[in-house]
Each structure stands twice: as C-alpha cells, then as structure tokens.
Protein backbone atom coordinates (compact mmCIF):
# COMPACT_ATOMS: atom_id res chain seq x y z
CA MET A 1 15.52 -23.93 8.26
CA GLY A 2 13.60 -26.31 5.64
CA TYR A 3 14.03 -24.72 2.62
CA GLY A 4 17.68 -24.10 3.23
CA PHE A 5 18.35 -20.98 2.11
CA SER A 6 22.31 -20.88 0.87
CA ARG A 7 24.21 -17.89 3.24
CA ARG A 8 25.40 -15.73 0.24
CA LEU A 9 24.83 -11.89 0.21
CA LEU A 10 25.29 -9.81 -3.68
CA VAL A 11 26.89 -6.49 -2.91
CA ALA A 12 27.26 -4.62 -7.08
CA GLY A 13 28.05 -0.90 -6.52
CA ALA A 14 27.15 0.25 -3.79
CA ALA A 15 27.18 -0.99 -0.21
CA VAL A 16 24.00 -2.85 1.13
CA TRP A 17 23.68 -3.90 4.95
CA LEU A 18 22.42 -7.92 5.66
CA PHE A 19 21.95 -8.64 9.02
CA CYS A 20 20.94 -12.40 10.28
CA ILE A 21 20.33 -13.45 14.11
CA GLY A 22 18.87 -16.63 13.81
CA VAL A 23 16.01 -16.91 11.35
CA ASP A 24 15.16 -13.21 12.66
CA ARG A 25 16.48 -10.83 8.96
CA LEU A 26 16.73 -7.60 9.32
CA PHE A 27 17.19 -4.98 5.82
CA ALA A 28 19.21 -1.96 6.16
CA ASP A 29 19.42 -0.97 2.53
CA TYR A 30 18.83 -2.11 -0.43
CA PRO A 31 20.84 -2.23 -4.37
CA ILE A 32 18.97 -1.20 -7.00
CA ILE A 33 18.37 -2.59 -9.98
CA ARG A 34 18.25 -0.38 -12.72
CA ASP A 35 16.73 -2.28 -15.62
CA LEU A 36 14.77 -5.37 -16.00
CA ASP A 37 16.54 -7.52 -19.08
CA SER A 38 19.66 -8.96 -19.18
CA SER A 39 21.67 -5.35 -19.17
CA ASP A 40 21.47 -5.43 -16.00
CA VAL A 41 23.75 -7.19 -13.83
CA LEU A 42 21.05 -7.03 -11.07
CA TYR A 43 18.03 -8.94 -13.32
CA GLN A 44 20.26 -10.78 -14.11
CA GLN A 45 21.37 -12.70 -10.71
CA ILE A 46 17.08 -12.74 -9.71
CA GLN A 47 16.30 -14.62 -12.88
CA GLN A 48 18.82 -17.24 -11.42
CA ASP A 49 18.17 -17.08 -8.28
CA ILE A 50 14.34 -17.79 -9.55
CA GLU A 51 14.77 -20.38 -11.40
CA GLN A 52 17.36 -22.49 -8.74
CA PHE A 53 14.11 -22.15 -5.98
CA ASN A 54 11.61 -23.25 -8.79
CA THR A 55 14.07 -26.30 -9.61
CA ARG A 56 16.14 -26.85 -6.31
CA GLY A 57 14.09 -30.38 -6.08
CA THR A 58 15.94 -31.18 -1.95
CA ARG A 59 19.24 -28.73 -2.77
CA ALA A 60 19.87 -25.40 -1.11
CA ALA A 61 17.86 -22.10 -2.23
CA PRO A 62 18.76 -19.32 -2.96
CA MET A 63 18.83 -16.29 0.45
CA LEU A 64 16.49 -14.06 0.37
CA THR A 65 17.23 -11.07 -0.43
CA LEU A 66 15.91 -7.90 -1.07
CA TYR A 67 16.37 -5.26 -4.01
CA ARG A 68 14.70 -1.17 -4.91
CA TYR A 69 13.52 -0.72 -8.33
CA HIS A 70 12.66 2.81 -9.55
CA ILE A 71 9.23 1.91 -10.89
CA LYS A 72 9.09 3.76 -14.55
CA SER A 73 6.31 5.85 -16.82
CA ASP A 74 4.96 3.07 -19.20
CA GLN A 75 4.71 0.52 -15.93
CA ASN A 76 2.47 -1.29 -13.19
CA LEU A 77 2.60 -3.47 -11.13
CA LEU A 78 1.71 -6.63 -13.58
CA SER A 79 4.45 -5.50 -16.09
CA ILE A 80 6.57 -5.32 -13.80
CA SER A 81 5.84 -8.93 -12.05
CA ALA A 82 6.17 -9.90 -15.71
CA ARG A 83 9.12 -9.15 -16.66
CA LEU A 84 11.01 -9.86 -13.14
CA THR A 85 8.96 -13.86 -13.63
CA LEU A 86 7.71 -13.12 -10.48
CA PRO A 87 4.55 -13.47 -8.29
CA TYR A 88 2.64 -10.43 -8.62
CA SER A 89 1.62 -11.54 -5.14
CA SER A 90 5.76 -11.72 -3.69
CA LEU A 91 5.91 -8.04 -4.73
CA ALA A 92 1.84 -6.76 -3.68
CA THR A 93 2.81 -8.35 -0.25
CA LEU A 94 5.87 -7.17 0.60
CA ASN A 95 4.63 -3.20 -0.78
CA ARG A 96 1.48 -3.31 1.08
CA LEU A 97 -0.26 -3.26 -1.98
CA ASP A 98 -3.57 -4.06 -1.50
CA SER A 99 -5.12 -3.75 -5.19
CA PRO A 100 -3.50 -3.54 -8.62
CA THR A 101 -3.16 -0.19 -8.52
CA ILE A 102 0.73 1.42 -7.25
CA PRO A 103 -0.52 4.52 -5.99
CA GLU A 104 0.83 7.89 -7.28
CA SER A 105 2.97 8.98 -4.59
CA VAL A 106 4.87 5.17 -4.39
CA ARG A 107 7.48 5.90 -7.52
CA THR A 108 9.87 2.61 -5.70
CA LEU A 109 9.44 -1.11 -5.10
CA LEU A 110 10.68 -3.38 -3.08
CA VAL A 111 11.66 -6.96 -5.16
CA PRO A 112 13.01 -10.08 -3.82
CA ASN A 113 15.30 -12.05 -5.49
CA ILE A 114 12.34 -15.41 -4.70
CA PRO A 115 8.78 -15.67 -4.70
CA GLY A 116 6.65 -16.07 -1.92
CA MET A 117 4.86 -13.68 0.24
CA PHE A 118 5.43 -11.51 2.91
CA ILE A 119 2.53 -11.80 6.00
CA PRO A 120 2.58 -8.29 7.69
CA VAL A 121 2.74 -9.27 11.38
CA HIS A 122 0.53 -5.89 12.48
CA PRO A 123 -1.79 -5.82 9.43
CA ASP A 124 -3.37 -2.46 8.83
CA SER A 125 -5.78 -2.96 6.48
CA ALA A 126 -8.83 -4.93 5.59
CA PHE A 127 -7.03 -6.91 2.99
CA GLU A 128 -3.77 -7.88 5.36
CA GLN A 129 -6.65 -9.06 8.01
CA ARG A 130 -7.49 -11.27 4.69
CA LEU A 131 -3.40 -12.55 3.96
CA GLU A 132 -2.77 -12.99 7.76
CA SER A 133 -6.40 -15.02 8.20
CA ASP A 134 -5.50 -17.35 6.12
CA HIS A 135 -1.88 -17.93 7.07
CA ALA A 136 -1.94 -20.84 9.57
CA VAL A 137 -3.49 -22.52 6.35
CA ARG A 138 -0.81 -21.78 3.51
CA ALA A 139 2.03 -21.38 6.30
CA ALA A 140 1.58 -25.77 6.62
CA GLY A 141 4.03 -27.56 6.65
CA THR A 142 6.54 -24.56 4.88
CA SER A 143 9.35 -23.18 6.68
CA THR A 144 8.63 -19.21 7.25
CA GLU A 145 10.83 -17.00 8.48
CA ILE A 146 10.97 -13.90 9.76
CA VAL A 147 11.56 -10.43 8.05
CA HIS A 148 11.85 -7.03 8.88
CA VAL A 149 12.07 -4.53 6.40
CA VAL A 150 13.20 -0.77 7.06
CA GLU A 151 12.26 1.62 5.06
CA ASP A 152 12.97 5.77 6.82
CA GLY A 153 14.36 5.11 10.12
CA ALA A 154 10.85 2.54 9.86
CA SER A 155 10.54 -1.35 10.94
CA THR A 156 8.04 -3.85 9.14
CA GLU A 157 8.15 -7.19 10.27
CA PHE A 158 6.97 -10.17 7.75
CA GLU A 159 6.43 -13.41 7.93
CA PHE A 160 8.50 -14.62 4.63
CA VAL A 161 6.12 -18.10 3.42
CA PRO A 162 8.64 -18.94 0.30
CA GLY A 163 6.63 -20.17 -2.92
CA ALA A 164 3.69 -19.24 -1.40
CA ASP A 165 0.91 -17.23 -3.51
CA PHE A 166 -2.31 -15.47 -3.21
CA THR A 167 -5.20 -18.10 -2.62
CA GLN A 168 -8.49 -17.74 -4.92
CA ASP A 169 -10.37 -15.42 -2.69
CA GLU A 170 -7.29 -13.90 -2.43
CA ARG A 171 -6.76 -12.69 -6.05
CA LEU A 172 -10.27 -12.10 -6.03
CA SER A 173 -9.94 -9.58 -3.12
CA PHE A 174 -6.80 -8.19 -4.87
CA PHE A 175 -8.67 -6.86 -7.66
CA GLU A 176 -11.41 -5.39 -6.75
CA THR A 177 -10.50 -1.85 -5.18
CA PRO A 178 -12.72 -1.35 -1.47
CA PHE A 179 -13.30 2.29 -2.15
CA LYS A 180 -13.59 4.59 -5.13
CA SER A 181 -12.68 8.28 -5.34
CA PRO A 182 -15.16 11.47 -3.27
CA ILE A 183 -14.57 13.18 -6.34
CA THR A 184 -15.06 11.77 -10.23
CA HIS A 185 -12.43 13.93 -11.77
CA GLY A 186 -9.32 16.53 -9.32
CA LEU A 187 -6.18 17.24 -8.47
CA ILE A 188 -4.52 16.31 -5.52
CA THR A 189 -2.77 18.52 -4.34
CA SER A 190 -1.55 17.35 -1.39
CA PHE A 191 -0.85 13.84 -0.03
CA PHE A 192 -0.66 11.99 2.83
CA GLY A 193 2.34 11.83 5.08
CA MET A 194 4.12 14.63 6.42
CA ARG A 195 4.26 18.31 4.41
CA THR A 196 4.72 22.03 5.35
CA ASP A 197 1.16 23.75 6.84
CA PRO A 198 0.16 25.77 3.98
CA PHE A 199 -1.39 28.37 7.13
CA THR A 200 1.71 27.38 9.55
CA GLY A 201 4.36 27.41 7.85
CA LEU A 202 5.57 24.15 10.10
CA PHE A 203 5.85 20.73 8.66
CA SER A 204 3.23 18.39 10.55
CA PHE A 205 1.39 15.36 9.36
CA HIS A 206 -1.25 15.32 6.89
CA GLY A 207 -3.97 13.21 7.97
CA GLY A 208 -5.34 12.22 4.01
CA ILE A 209 -5.25 13.29 0.22
CA ASP A 210 -6.79 17.04 -0.79
CA ILE A 211 -8.27 16.77 -4.24
CA GLU A 212 -8.45 20.26 -5.81
CA ALA A 213 -12.11 21.02 -7.78
CA PRO A 214 -14.47 23.65 -8.72
CA ILE A 215 -16.69 24.64 -5.77
CA GLY A 216 -20.39 23.49 -5.99
CA THR A 217 -18.37 19.24 -7.03
CA ASP A 218 -20.07 16.27 -6.47
CA VAL A 219 -18.70 14.44 -3.27
CA HIS A 220 -19.79 10.85 -3.74
CA ALA A 221 -19.74 8.32 -0.22
CA SER A 222 -16.68 5.86 -1.33
CA SER A 223 -17.80 3.00 0.16
CA ASP A 224 -20.95 1.65 1.76
CA GLY A 225 -21.71 2.85 5.34
CA THR A 226 -24.00 4.65 7.66
CA VAL A 227 -23.57 8.62 8.18
CA SER A 228 -22.06 8.12 11.85
CA LEU A 229 -20.82 11.87 12.22
CA ILE A 230 -21.73 15.59 11.33
CA SER A 231 -19.74 18.81 12.19
CA ARG A 232 -18.19 21.81 11.55
CA ASP A 233 -14.68 22.91 13.38
CA HIS A 234 -12.29 25.05 12.40
CA GLU A 235 -9.97 23.14 10.82
CA TYR A 236 -12.55 21.09 8.59
CA GLY A 237 -15.22 23.57 7.81
CA ASN A 238 -18.71 21.06 7.32
CA PHE A 239 -17.13 17.26 7.23
CA ILE A 240 -18.47 13.93 7.33
CA VAL A 241 -17.80 11.15 8.44
CA LEU A 242 -18.88 7.87 7.30
CA GLN A 243 -18.49 4.53 9.26
CA HIS A 244 -17.44 0.96 7.64
CA SER A 245 -17.48 -2.44 7.06
CA GLY A 246 -14.18 -3.79 9.04
CA GLY A 247 -13.40 -1.09 11.26
CA TYR A 248 -12.89 1.50 8.08
CA GLN A 249 -14.29 5.53 8.29
CA THR A 250 -13.29 7.93 5.71
CA LEU A 251 -13.72 11.77 6.39
CA TYR A 252 -14.87 14.29 4.18
CA ALA A 253 -13.93 17.99 4.73
CA HIS A 254 -14.30 21.68 3.61
CA LEU A 255 -17.67 21.29 2.36
CA SER A 256 -19.95 23.39 0.95
CA LYS A 257 -22.93 21.51 1.38
CA ILE A 258 -24.03 18.03 3.31
CA LEU A 259 -26.92 16.34 1.92
CA VAL A 260 -27.28 13.07 4.08
CA GLN A 261 -28.47 13.14 7.82
CA LEU A 262 -26.91 11.68 10.71
CA ASN A 263 -27.18 7.62 11.07
CA GLN A 264 -28.80 7.54 7.70
CA LYS A 265 -26.96 4.91 4.95
CA VAL A 266 -25.06 5.20 2.39
CA THR A 267 -24.45 3.28 -0.87
CA SER A 268 -21.25 3.60 -2.83
CA GLY A 269 -21.45 6.27 -5.22
CA MET A 270 -23.78 8.33 -4.15
CA ILE A 271 -23.37 12.29 -3.81
CA ILE A 272 -23.55 12.83 0.33
CA GLY A 273 -22.13 17.00 -0.19
CA LYS A 274 -20.40 19.74 -2.30
CA VAL A 275 -16.91 20.79 -2.55
CA GLY A 276 -16.41 23.57 -0.38
CA ILE A 277 -13.89 26.15 1.10
CA THR A 278 -14.99 26.18 4.55
CA GLY A 279 -12.43 25.80 7.56
CA MET A 280 -9.22 25.98 7.63
CA SER A 281 -8.54 26.04 3.07
CA THR A 282 -6.57 28.23 1.32
CA GLY A 283 -9.09 27.61 -2.11
CA PRO A 284 -12.02 24.79 -3.08
CA HIS A 285 -10.81 21.28 -2.19
CA LEU A 286 -12.16 17.78 -0.41
CA HIS A 287 -9.84 17.26 2.72
CA PHE A 288 -10.60 12.98 2.13
CA GLU A 289 -9.34 10.87 4.47
CA ILE A 290 -9.65 6.62 5.17
CA ARG A 291 -9.25 5.94 8.92
CA TYR A 292 -9.15 2.25 9.97
CA HIS A 293 -10.16 1.39 13.76
CA GLY A 294 -8.95 5.14 14.27
CA LYS A 295 -6.13 5.48 12.69
CA ALA A 296 -4.87 7.83 9.55
CA VAL A 297 -3.64 5.47 6.54
CA ASP A 298 -2.85 7.10 3.09
CA PRO A 299 -5.94 6.42 1.51
CA LEU A 300 -3.85 5.84 -2.35
CA ARG A 301 -3.69 2.62 -0.80
CA PHE A 302 -6.68 2.09 -1.41
CA LEU A 303 -8.18 3.88 -4.23
CA THR A 304 -7.46 5.48 -7.55
CA VAL A 305 -8.05 9.81 -7.89
CA ASN A 306 -8.98 10.49 -11.39
CA GLN A 307 -7.30 13.52 -12.45
C-alpha cells in the first residue's frame, strides 16, 4: 500500500479481532473509547496516530484501526469530531451519516484512528451516490484499501481513502437535509427495523417510523415531488406516495384526509393530508416511509423529527 500502514493492532481491556487479507481489511469488533480526553488510553492512542499520520512524511502511517464510542447526551457529530481532532467527514462517511444530525436511534459511533473518507461500495442514498461519483477524482494518485465493517452480523464494504475530505459541493450537500419532517411536532412511537408487531405479537420488520399526533394534524410533503399513488388498503388505511428526484419515494399512511390529487406536483412543506387512524393503527399517528429505488431505508438517516 502506497501510504505504508504499519502492522499494529491495539488491544485494550477486551479482545479485538482484526483479519487482514492482502489489502482487504475485515473489522469484526471494536475497542470502546470511554471518554474523549487524556484519561482514556484509547483516546490518547488515537491522538498519537493522527499526529503520526499528519506528520509522517515518507514514514509509514499507522495501520487503520476502528473503535466504538458511546455518544453522550450533550454531544453531537461536530463536537465529537473536534474532541477527536478528526474531520467530521471521516466520522460521517464511516457511520453512513448524510447530515450533521445524528439520528436518535444511533447512540454509538465508529471512530477511525486516522483521517480519511470511507466510500461505500454499494451506496444507498443520494449523498453516498455523490461521494461515489466524486471518488475517482478524490482517489487519483492515492493508495486506497477495501475495508469490510461488520455490525450485527452484516458486513458493509467501503473503499478507504486516507487523508481525503469532503469537496466543497459535498460539504454543502452534507449540511442540507434532503427531507423535512412530515409533522411539525410529534412523538416517534416506533422506529425503523425489526420490532414486535402490536397486532400479531410477532417479531417483524417495520419499514418506516410512526409519529404520534392528534387526529387532524397537518401532514406535510417531506420534499418536492409528484403524487404517484393515492390509495387505501387494510394495513396502511388511506395513504399517499410521493415520487422525488434521485429514485426516492415517501409514503404517508393512516390518513384521515387526503388533500392532493394523483399526478399533482407538490413542494416541500405543502400540506398533503391529515393524521388519522385508518388501516391497522392502535391510535392516531402517521406512518412515514422513505424508499430508495423501492427499498425502505431508515427515515432518521435523512431527517430530524421535532418532538
């Protein structure tokens, strides 16, 4: 590898497994940083590695190592980045964040010991597609490596570009949330992912988030788009699907009223319906989904819901 990672593996307090196969790197577990100050030996090690990387000249750089950090209530992505002296682009790309807002469902971050960009081999958002499209220029003349990050039994493949940072356009895109909350004020009562179904009692996949709000609460278009479907079924009740640019769709379900028509153009923030309890609903709320090329993705990766 052109940047000459030294072969070092730090183990502190618990076993850490790191498998190296050529330039392929597979991470299966991560040492935990307890505090972002000099009282924590792992924090000290990261600071040493960053300094060594930034001043290495022709010397070998530290071997890429990943850690895990539990976010404290008064911290955000930018404050954590500042404490670590790491660019926020390194933390954002490794943790697949499309904006500076860390979703409420994310309580830990993966932390690299050296700065650089983690470009997903299989992007699943418009922002990651932008990173991928800029990747050839970013990586020109730079040695990169393939990194497999394993969490909850699933592996994500990245191409790591040491020392890389956001371009100006990427930085502007990162600080603009592509989707807005469909409800001005509401309480999230069920998150995206596996959950116990309130009707069947079975553990099943929930393809969106549920936002509790009184019947009749305004439901807003999350982004500019076109009404591609208005329908009613047993599960969703009255629902609307909006088509957006870049292969995205949003779905708004359990509505008491629908205030748009099929093929109508809508703008971000426009009132398109009212909260209800139609379909399979235990109480008044909005079931909200974001889909990318037909596949449901976690809405909290794209927006912040006011509560």
